[in-house]
C-alpha cells in the first residue's frame, strides 16, 4: 500500500469538506438539462430529442419527456435548445422509484 495513503489515514487528511460544505468545483460538473416550458417550442423539442445520443429525450404529443436516469449529461440538448435549455447544476440525483426520474415538460412556447 502506498505510504502516502497510510500517512493520510493516520493524520486524518481530508481532501474535501463535502457534504458538510458545498464543493467549490461542483459548477464544473456536467449535469442533466432543465427546460423552460415558456421558451420550448415544438420545433426546439423535436431538435433536442433528435440530438440526444442516449435517448433520454423523447416526444409524447405536446410534451417533452426527459428521462434523467438515461441522461449522460453530454450537453448536446443545451447547445441545440438555445434559450429553452440549460444545464441544471444538479448533480445529486437520487430517487427511490424509477418513475421519479422521468420528467414531463409541457411545450408552452407555441401558445404565444
Protein backbone atom coordinates (compact mmCIF):
# COMPACT_ATOMS: atom_id res chain seq x y z
CA UNK A 1 0.00 0.00 0.00
CA UNK A 2 1.30 3.45 -0.81
CA UNK A 3 2.97 5.24 2.09
CA UNK A 4 1.11 8.49 1.35
CA UNK A 5 -2.19 6.67 1.82
CA UNK A 6 -1.18 5.33 5.24
CA UNK A 7 0.07 8.77 6.32
CA UNK A 8 -3.22 10.31 5.25
CA UNK A 9 -5.20 7.80 7.29
CA UNK A 10 -3.02 8.34 10.34
CA UNK A 11 -3.14 12.15 10.16
CA UNK A 12 -6.78 12.37 9.15
CA UNK A 13 -6.11 14.27 5.93
CA UNK A 14 -9.32 15.45 4.32
CA UNK A 15 -9.30 16.30 0.63
CA UNK A 16 -12.85 17.64 0.51
CA UNK A 17 -15.31 19.09 3.00
CA UNK A 18 -18.33 17.69 1.11
CA UNK A 19 -21.17 17.20 2.18
CA UNK A 20 -20.69 19.50 5.19
CA UNK A 21 -19.77 22.33 2.80
CA UNK A 22 -20.59 22.83 -0.85
CA UNK A 23 -17.88 21.59 -3.17
CA UNK A 24 -16.34 24.66 -4.88
CA UNK A 25 -15.78 22.83 -8.16
CA UNK A 26 -19.36 21.47 -8.38
CA UNK A 27 -20.29 24.05 -11.03
CA UNK A 28 -17.78 22.41 -13.39
CA UNK A 29 -19.55 19.04 -13.34
CA UNK A 30 -21.65 18.02 -16.34
CA UNK A 31 -25.27 17.91 -15.21
CA UNK A 32 -28.59 16.97 -16.82
CA UNK A 33 -30.56 19.72 -18.57
CA UNK A 34 -33.51 21.73 -17.38
CA UNK A 35 -36.02 23.28 -19.76
CA UNK A 36 -38.06 26.48 -19.69
CA UNK A 37 -41.54 25.45 -20.94
CA UNK A 38 -42.35 29.05 -21.98
CA UNK A 39 -39.41 29.09 -24.40
CA UNK A 40 -39.81 25.49 -25.51
CA UNK A 41 -41.46 25.25 -28.91
CA UNK A 42 -42.35 22.07 -30.76
CA UNK A 43 -39.51 22.64 -33.26
CA UNK A 44 -36.96 23.05 -30.45
CA UNK A 45 -38.34 20.00 -28.62
CA UNK A 46 -38.01 17.86 -31.74
CA UNK A 47 -34.48 19.16 -32.32
CA UNK A 48 -33.28 18.34 -28.80
CA UNK A 49 -34.94 14.92 -28.86
CA UNK A 50 -33.25 14.07 -32.17
CA UNK A 51 -29.78 15.14 -30.99
CA UNK A 52 -29.89 13.12 -27.74
CA UNK A 53 -27.44 10.20 -28.12
CA UNK A 54 -28.73 8.31 -25.07
CA UNK A 55 -32.43 8.52 -25.93
CA UNK A 56 -33.18 10.35 -22.69
CA UNK A 57 -35.30 12.92 -24.54
CA UNK A 58 -38.44 11.83 -26.38
CA UNK A 59 -41.65 13.44 -27.58
CA UNK A 60 -45.08 12.47 -26.32
CA UNK A 61 -47.59 14.66 -28.14
CA UNK A 62 -47.20 18.20 -26.82
CA UNK A 63 -44.85 17.10 -24.06
CA UNK A 64 -41.07 16.65 -24.00
CA UNK A 65 -40.15 13.67 -21.82
CA UNK A 66 -36.77 13.76 -20.05
CA UNK A 67 -35.52 10.51 -18.51
CA UNK A 68 -32.82 11.72 -16.12
CA UNK A 69 -31.80 8.12 -15.40
CA UNK A 70 -30.81 7.67 -19.05
CA UNK A 71 -29.24 11.13 -19.49
CA UNK A 72 -25.46 11.15 -19.93
CA UNK A 73 -25.25 14.95 -19.38
CA UNK A 74 -23.45 15.40 -22.69
CA UNK A 75 -24.85 18.91 -23.23
CA UNK A 76 -25.97 18.43 -26.83
CA UNK A 77 -29.54 19.36 -25.95
CA UNK A 78 -28.34 22.55 -24.28
CA UNK A 79 -26.48 23.51 -27.46
CA UNK A 80 -29.46 22.64 -29.69
CA UNK A 81 -32.09 24.10 -27.38
CA UNK A 82 -30.94 27.70 -27.45
CA UNK A 83 -32.53 29.63 -24.60
CA UNK A 84 -35.05 26.89 -23.82
CA UNK A 85 -32.45 24.54 -22.32
CA UNK A 86 -29.64 24.99 -19.82
CA UNK A 87 -27.61 22.81 -17.50
CA UNK A 88 -29.46 22.24 -14.25
CA UNK A 89 -26.42 22.33 -11.98
CA UNK A 90 -27.90 19.41 -10.03
CA UNK A 91 -25.51 16.52 -9.62
CA UNK A 92 -27.04 14.93 -6.53
CA UNK A 93 -29.80 12.97 -8.21
CA UNK A 94 -31.41 10.07 -6.42
CA UNK A 95 -34.86 8.52 -6.40
CA UNK A 96 -36.49 5.64 -4.60
CA UNK A 97 -38.60 4.76 -7.64
CA UNK A 98 -37.64 4.77 -11.32
CA UNK A 99 -40.61 6.87 -12.44
CA UNK A 100 -39.41 9.78 -10.27
CA UNK A 101 -36.50 10.22 -12.69
CA UNK A 102 -38.83 10.83 -15.65
CA UNK A 103 -39.84 14.47 -16.11
CA UNK A 104 -42.61 15.64 -18.42
CA UNK A 105 -42.07 19.18 -19.75
CA UNK A 106 -45.06 20.82 -21.46
CA UNK A 107 -44.37 22.66 -24.71
CA UNK A 108 -45.76 26.11 -23.99
CA UNK A 109 -43.67 28.25 -26.35
CA UNK A 110 -46.04 27.72 -29.29
CA UNK A 111 -49.00 29.23 -27.38
CA UNK A 112 -47.83 32.84 -27.58
